[in-house]
N, C-alpha and C. Protein backbone atom coordinates (compact mmCIF):
# COMPACT_ATOMS: atom_id res chain seq x y z
N MET A 1 91.56 48.38 -256.69
CA MET A 1 92.47 47.30 -256.42
C MET A 1 93.75 47.87 -255.79
N PRO A 2 94.17 47.36 -254.61
CA PRO A 2 95.34 47.92 -253.94
C PRO A 2 96.63 47.58 -254.68
N ARG A 3 97.58 48.48 -254.56
CA ARG A 3 98.88 48.24 -255.17
C ARG A 3 99.64 47.20 -254.36
N GLU A 4 100.48 46.46 -255.04
CA GLU A 4 101.25 45.39 -254.38
C GLU A 4 102.23 45.96 -253.36
N PHE A 5 102.96 47.01 -253.74
CA PHE A 5 103.94 47.60 -252.84
C PHE A 5 103.50 49.01 -252.50
N GLY A 6 102.52 49.12 -251.66
CA GLY A 6 101.97 50.40 -251.30
C GLY A 6 102.55 50.95 -250.02
N ARG A 7 101.74 51.70 -249.38
CA ARG A 7 102.17 52.40 -248.18
C ARG A 7 102.54 51.43 -247.05
N ASN A 8 101.79 50.33 -246.92
CA ASN A 8 102.08 49.37 -245.86
C ASN A 8 103.51 48.86 -245.92
N SER A 9 103.95 48.48 -247.11
CA SER A 9 105.30 47.94 -247.23
C SER A 9 106.36 49.01 -246.98
N ARG A 10 106.09 50.24 -247.39
CA ARG A 10 107.05 51.32 -247.13
C ARG A 10 107.14 51.61 -245.63
N VAL A 11 105.99 51.65 -244.96
CA VAL A 11 105.99 51.88 -243.51
C VAL A 11 106.67 50.72 -242.80
N ALA A 12 106.40 49.50 -243.22
CA ALA A 12 107.01 48.32 -242.60
C ALA A 12 108.53 48.36 -242.74
N GLN A 13 109.01 48.71 -243.92
CA GLN A 13 110.46 48.78 -244.15
C GLN A 13 111.08 49.88 -243.30
N PHE A 14 110.42 51.02 -243.21
CA PHE A 14 110.94 52.13 -242.41
C PHE A 14 111.00 51.74 -240.93
N VAL A 15 109.92 51.13 -240.44
CA VAL A 15 109.87 50.70 -239.03
C VAL A 15 110.97 49.68 -238.76
N LYS A 16 111.17 48.76 -239.67
CA LYS A 16 112.21 47.73 -239.50
C LYS A 16 113.60 48.36 -239.39
N GLU A 17 113.90 49.30 -240.28
CA GLU A 17 115.21 49.94 -240.26
C GLU A 17 115.42 50.76 -238.99
N GLU A 18 114.43 51.53 -238.60
CA GLU A 18 114.58 52.37 -237.41
C GLU A 18 114.63 51.53 -236.13
N LEU A 19 113.79 50.48 -236.07
CA LEU A 19 113.82 49.60 -234.90
C LEU A 19 115.15 48.89 -234.77
N ALA A 20 115.73 48.49 -235.89
CA ALA A 20 117.04 47.83 -235.85
C ALA A 20 118.07 48.74 -235.20
N ASN A 21 118.03 50.02 -235.54
CA ASN A 21 118.96 50.98 -234.93
C ASN A 21 118.68 51.14 -233.44
N LEU A 22 117.41 51.26 -233.08
CA LEU A 22 117.05 51.44 -231.67
C LEU A 22 117.42 50.22 -230.84
N ILE A 23 117.16 49.04 -231.36
CA ILE A 23 117.48 47.81 -230.63
C ILE A 23 118.97 47.68 -230.46
N GLN A 24 119.73 48.06 -231.45
CA GLN A 24 121.18 48.00 -231.35
C GLN A 24 121.68 48.89 -230.21
N LEU A 25 121.04 50.03 -230.00
CA LEU A 25 121.43 50.93 -228.92
C LEU A 25 120.96 50.43 -227.56
N GLU A 26 119.75 49.90 -227.49
CA GLU A 26 119.14 49.51 -226.22
C GLU A 26 119.58 48.13 -225.72
N PHE A 27 119.93 47.25 -226.64
CA PHE A 27 120.28 45.87 -226.28
C PHE A 27 121.71 45.59 -226.76
N PRO A 28 122.71 45.85 -225.91
CA PRO A 28 124.10 45.69 -226.33
C PRO A 28 124.43 44.25 -226.74
N LEU A 29 125.28 44.14 -227.72
CA LEU A 29 125.66 42.84 -228.29
C LEU A 29 126.28 41.93 -227.25
N ASN A 30 127.11 42.47 -226.36
CA ASN A 30 127.79 41.62 -225.39
C ASN A 30 126.85 41.06 -224.32
N GLU A 31 125.71 41.67 -224.10
CA GLU A 31 124.75 41.17 -223.11
C GLU A 31 123.64 40.33 -223.74
N TYR A 32 123.17 40.74 -224.90
CA TYR A 32 121.98 40.12 -225.49
C TYR A 32 122.27 39.29 -226.73
N GLY A 33 123.45 39.37 -227.25
CA GLY A 33 123.76 38.64 -228.47
C GLY A 33 123.27 39.39 -229.69
N LEU A 34 123.30 38.71 -230.82
CA LEU A 34 122.92 39.31 -232.08
C LEU A 34 121.41 39.18 -232.28
N ILE A 35 120.72 40.31 -232.28
CA ILE A 35 119.27 40.33 -232.49
C ILE A 35 119.03 40.80 -233.92
N THR A 36 118.28 40.00 -234.68
CA THR A 36 118.01 40.31 -236.07
C THR A 36 116.51 40.43 -236.28
N LEU A 37 116.08 41.53 -236.86
CA LEU A 37 114.68 41.69 -237.22
C LEU A 37 114.48 41.08 -238.59
N THR A 38 113.65 40.06 -238.67
CA THR A 38 113.46 39.37 -239.95
C THR A 38 112.33 39.97 -240.77
N THR A 39 111.22 40.30 -240.13
CA THR A 39 110.06 40.81 -240.84
C THR A 39 109.29 41.78 -239.95
N VAL A 40 108.71 42.79 -240.57
CA VAL A 40 107.75 43.66 -239.90
C VAL A 40 106.48 43.64 -240.73
N ASP A 41 105.39 43.21 -240.12
CA ASP A 41 104.08 43.19 -240.78
C ASP A 41 103.23 44.31 -240.20
N VAL A 42 102.79 45.21 -241.05
CA VAL A 42 101.97 46.34 -240.61
C VAL A 42 100.54 46.08 -241.06
N SER A 43 99.59 46.32 -240.17
CA SER A 43 98.18 46.12 -240.50
C SER A 43 97.75 47.11 -241.58
N PRO A 44 96.67 46.79 -242.30
CA PRO A 44 96.21 47.69 -243.38
C PRO A 44 95.89 49.11 -242.92
N ASP A 45 95.44 49.26 -241.67
CA ASP A 45 95.13 50.61 -241.18
C ASP A 45 96.34 51.30 -240.55
N LEU A 46 97.50 50.65 -240.58
CA LEU A 46 98.78 51.19 -240.08
C LEU A 46 98.78 51.44 -238.57
N ARG A 47 97.90 50.79 -237.84
CA ARG A 47 97.84 51.00 -236.38
C ARG A 47 98.64 49.97 -235.60
N ASN A 48 98.86 48.81 -236.17
CA ASN A 48 99.56 47.74 -235.47
C ASN A 48 100.67 47.19 -236.35
N ALA A 49 101.76 46.82 -235.69
CA ALA A 49 102.87 46.20 -236.41
C ALA A 49 103.37 45.01 -235.60
N THR A 50 103.55 43.90 -236.28
CA THR A 50 104.12 42.71 -235.67
C THR A 50 105.56 42.59 -236.16
N VAL A 51 106.48 42.52 -235.20
CA VAL A 51 107.91 42.49 -235.53
C VAL A 51 108.43 41.09 -235.21
N LEU A 52 108.91 40.38 -236.24
CA LEU A 52 109.48 39.06 -236.06
C LEU A 52 110.99 39.19 -235.94
N PHE A 53 111.58 38.47 -234.98
CA PHE A 53 113.01 38.58 -234.74
C PHE A 53 113.61 37.21 -234.47
N THR A 54 114.90 37.12 -234.66
CA THR A 54 115.69 35.96 -234.24
C THR A 54 116.88 36.50 -233.46
N PHE A 55 117.53 35.63 -232.72
CA PHE A 55 118.73 36.06 -232.02
C PHE A 55 119.65 34.86 -231.78
N PHE A 56 120.91 35.18 -231.58
CA PHE A 56 121.92 34.16 -231.33
C PHE A 56 122.65 34.50 -230.04
N GLN A 57 122.36 33.74 -228.99
CA GLN A 57 123.00 33.95 -227.69
C GLN A 57 122.73 32.71 -226.85
N ASN A 58 123.69 32.31 -226.07
CA ASN A 58 123.54 31.08 -225.28
C ASN A 58 122.93 31.30 -223.90
N ASN A 59 123.19 32.43 -223.26
CA ASN A 59 122.78 32.58 -221.86
C ASN A 59 121.43 33.27 -221.68
N LEU A 60 120.68 33.48 -222.75
CA LEU A 60 119.39 34.14 -222.67
C LEU A 60 118.38 33.33 -223.47
N THR A 61 117.21 33.08 -222.89
CA THR A 61 116.20 32.31 -223.63
C THR A 61 115.38 33.25 -224.50
N LYS A 62 114.74 32.66 -225.50
CA LYS A 62 113.92 33.49 -226.40
C LYS A 62 112.73 34.08 -225.65
N GLU A 63 112.22 33.37 -224.63
CA GLU A 63 111.11 33.90 -223.85
C GLU A 63 111.52 35.14 -223.06
N GLN A 64 112.73 35.11 -222.50
CA GLN A 64 113.23 36.26 -221.74
C GLN A 64 113.40 37.48 -222.65
N LEU A 65 114.01 37.26 -223.80
CA LEU A 65 114.22 38.36 -224.73
C LEU A 65 112.89 38.89 -225.28
N LEU A 66 111.98 37.98 -225.58
CA LEU A 66 110.66 38.37 -226.07
C LEU A 66 109.95 39.26 -225.05
N GLU A 67 110.03 38.88 -223.80
CA GLU A 67 109.40 39.67 -222.73
C GLU A 67 110.04 41.05 -222.63
N GLU A 68 111.37 41.11 -222.70
CA GLU A 68 112.05 42.40 -222.60
C GLU A 68 111.72 43.30 -223.79
N LEU A 69 111.68 42.72 -224.99
CA LEU A 69 111.34 43.53 -226.17
C LEU A 69 109.91 44.05 -226.09
N ASN A 70 108.98 43.20 -225.69
CA ASN A 70 107.58 43.66 -225.57
C ASN A 70 107.41 44.68 -224.45
N ASP A 71 108.22 44.56 -223.38
CA ASP A 71 108.17 45.57 -222.32
C ASP A 71 108.64 46.93 -222.82
N LYS A 72 109.59 46.94 -223.74
CA LYS A 72 110.12 48.20 -224.27
C LYS A 72 109.39 48.66 -225.53
N ALA A 73 108.34 47.96 -225.93
CA ALA A 73 107.62 48.31 -227.16
C ALA A 73 107.08 49.74 -227.10
N GLY A 74 106.57 50.16 -225.97
CA GLY A 74 106.08 51.53 -225.83
C GLY A 74 107.18 52.56 -226.00
N HIS A 75 108.34 52.25 -225.44
CA HIS A 75 109.50 53.15 -225.59
C HIS A 75 109.92 53.23 -227.04
N PHE A 76 109.98 52.09 -227.72
CA PHE A 76 110.35 52.08 -229.14
C PHE A 76 109.33 52.86 -229.97
N ARG A 77 108.06 52.71 -229.64
CA ARG A 77 107.01 53.43 -230.38
C ARG A 77 107.19 54.94 -230.19
N HIS A 78 107.50 55.34 -228.96
CA HIS A 78 107.73 56.76 -228.68
C HIS A 78 108.91 57.28 -229.48
N GLU A 79 109.99 56.51 -229.53
CA GLU A 79 111.17 56.93 -230.29
C GLU A 79 110.87 56.99 -231.79
N LEU A 80 110.06 56.04 -232.28
CA LEU A 80 109.67 56.06 -233.69
C LEU A 80 108.85 57.30 -234.02
N SER A 81 108.06 57.76 -233.06
CA SER A 81 107.22 58.94 -233.32
C SER A 81 108.05 60.19 -233.60
N HIS A 82 109.30 60.20 -233.13
CA HIS A 82 110.17 61.35 -233.38
C HIS A 82 110.71 61.37 -234.80
N VAL A 83 110.80 60.20 -235.44
CA VAL A 83 111.41 60.14 -236.78
C VAL A 83 110.40 59.87 -237.89
N MET A 84 109.18 59.45 -237.54
CA MET A 84 108.17 59.18 -238.56
C MET A 84 107.42 60.47 -238.88
N THR A 85 107.11 60.64 -240.16
CA THR A 85 106.40 61.85 -240.56
C THR A 85 104.89 61.63 -240.64
N SER A 86 104.44 60.40 -240.50
CA SER A 86 103.00 60.14 -240.57
C SER A 86 102.32 60.56 -239.28
N ARG A 87 101.01 60.67 -239.34
CA ARG A 87 100.24 61.11 -238.17
C ARG A 87 100.29 60.10 -237.04
N GLY A 88 100.17 58.83 -237.38
CA GLY A 88 100.15 57.81 -236.36
C GLY A 88 101.36 56.90 -236.44
N VAL A 89 101.69 56.32 -235.30
CA VAL A 89 102.79 55.36 -235.23
C VAL A 89 102.18 54.03 -234.81
N PRO A 90 102.48 52.96 -235.52
CA PRO A 90 101.86 51.67 -235.17
C PRO A 90 102.29 51.16 -233.79
N SER A 91 101.36 50.50 -233.12
CA SER A 91 101.69 49.79 -231.89
C SER A 91 102.55 48.59 -232.26
N LEU A 92 103.53 48.29 -231.43
CA LEU A 92 104.48 47.23 -231.75
C LEU A 92 104.23 45.99 -230.91
N LYS A 93 104.29 44.85 -231.55
CA LYS A 93 104.23 43.57 -230.85
C LYS A 93 105.34 42.70 -231.42
N PHE A 94 106.20 42.21 -230.55
CA PHE A 94 107.33 41.40 -230.97
C PHE A 94 106.97 39.92 -230.86
N LYS A 95 107.42 39.15 -231.85
CA LYS A 95 107.24 37.70 -231.84
C LYS A 95 108.54 37.06 -232.31
N TYR A 96 108.83 35.89 -231.75
CA TYR A 96 110.03 35.17 -232.16
C TYR A 96 109.77 34.47 -233.49
N ASP A 97 110.68 34.61 -234.43
CA ASP A 97 110.55 33.99 -235.75
C ASP A 97 111.14 32.59 -235.70
N GLU A 98 110.28 31.59 -235.82
CA GLU A 98 110.73 30.21 -235.70
C GLU A 98 111.04 29.57 -237.05
N SER A 99 111.07 30.35 -238.11
CA SER A 99 111.30 29.78 -239.44
C SER A 99 112.70 29.19 -239.56
N LEU A 100 113.70 29.79 -238.91
CA LEU A 100 115.05 29.22 -238.97
C LEU A 100 115.12 27.86 -238.30
N GLU A 101 114.45 27.72 -237.17
CA GLU A 101 114.43 26.44 -236.47
C GLU A 101 113.70 25.38 -237.28
N ARG A 102 112.59 25.77 -237.90
CA ARG A 102 111.85 24.82 -238.76
C ARG A 102 112.70 24.40 -239.96
N ALA A 103 113.40 25.34 -240.54
CA ALA A 103 114.26 25.02 -241.69
C ALA A 103 115.37 24.06 -241.27
N GLN A 104 115.93 24.27 -240.09
CA GLN A 104 116.98 23.38 -239.61
C GLN A 104 116.44 21.98 -239.35
N ARG A 105 115.24 21.88 -238.78
CA ARG A 105 114.63 20.56 -238.55
C ARG A 105 114.38 19.84 -239.87
N LEU A 106 113.89 20.56 -240.87
CA LEU A 106 113.67 19.95 -242.18
C LEU A 106 114.98 19.50 -242.82
N THR A 107 116.01 20.30 -242.68
CA THR A 107 117.32 19.92 -243.20
C THR A 107 117.84 18.67 -242.51
N ASP A 108 117.65 18.60 -241.20
CA ASP A 108 118.08 17.41 -240.45
C ASP A 108 117.32 16.16 -240.90
N ILE A 109 116.02 16.31 -241.15
CA ILE A 109 115.22 15.18 -241.60
C ILE A 109 115.68 14.71 -242.98
N ILE A 110 115.91 15.66 -243.87
CA ILE A 110 116.37 15.31 -245.21
C ILE A 110 117.74 14.65 -245.16
N ASP A 111 118.62 15.17 -244.32
CA ASP A 111 119.95 14.57 -244.18
C ASP A 111 119.88 13.16 -243.62
N SER A 112 118.98 12.95 -242.67
CA SER A 112 118.86 11.61 -242.08
C SER A 112 118.31 10.60 -243.10
N VAL A 113 117.42 11.04 -243.97
CA VAL A 113 116.89 10.17 -245.02
C VAL A 113 118.00 9.84 -246.03
N ASN A 114 118.78 10.85 -246.39
CA ASN A 114 119.86 10.64 -247.36
C ASN A 114 120.96 9.72 -246.82
N THR A 115 121.27 9.79 -245.54
CA THR A 115 122.31 8.94 -244.97
C THR A 115 121.82 7.52 -244.78
N ASP A 116 120.51 7.32 -244.65
CA ASP A 116 119.98 5.97 -244.49
C ASP A 116 120.07 5.17 -245.78
N LYS A 117 120.04 5.86 -246.90
CA LYS A 117 120.11 5.16 -248.20
C LYS A 117 121.50 4.84 -248.54
């Protein structure tokens, strides 16, 4: 029976911390806004990692940022290989985390119901 907090979660946390530093260096705040990594999911075999992110900026769309992050995924993986002690480094795939938008929509719906009464 696998442990609840095993190697996957440790690798995911490490990748999240190191990627946050790399993204801060590669994507300046004044050009790209605040980019936040919300979750890193690493596959059981540690070969693939899905990185969920959010960002706050008015002049850049999430599709544009998503494309730029996925274009630099190979570079980020290469940089991670210098600091990771494991044999393999997971391939990175970035996805936009829509949970904040869903939460805001639910809050708006609840507020509209409460104001109607």
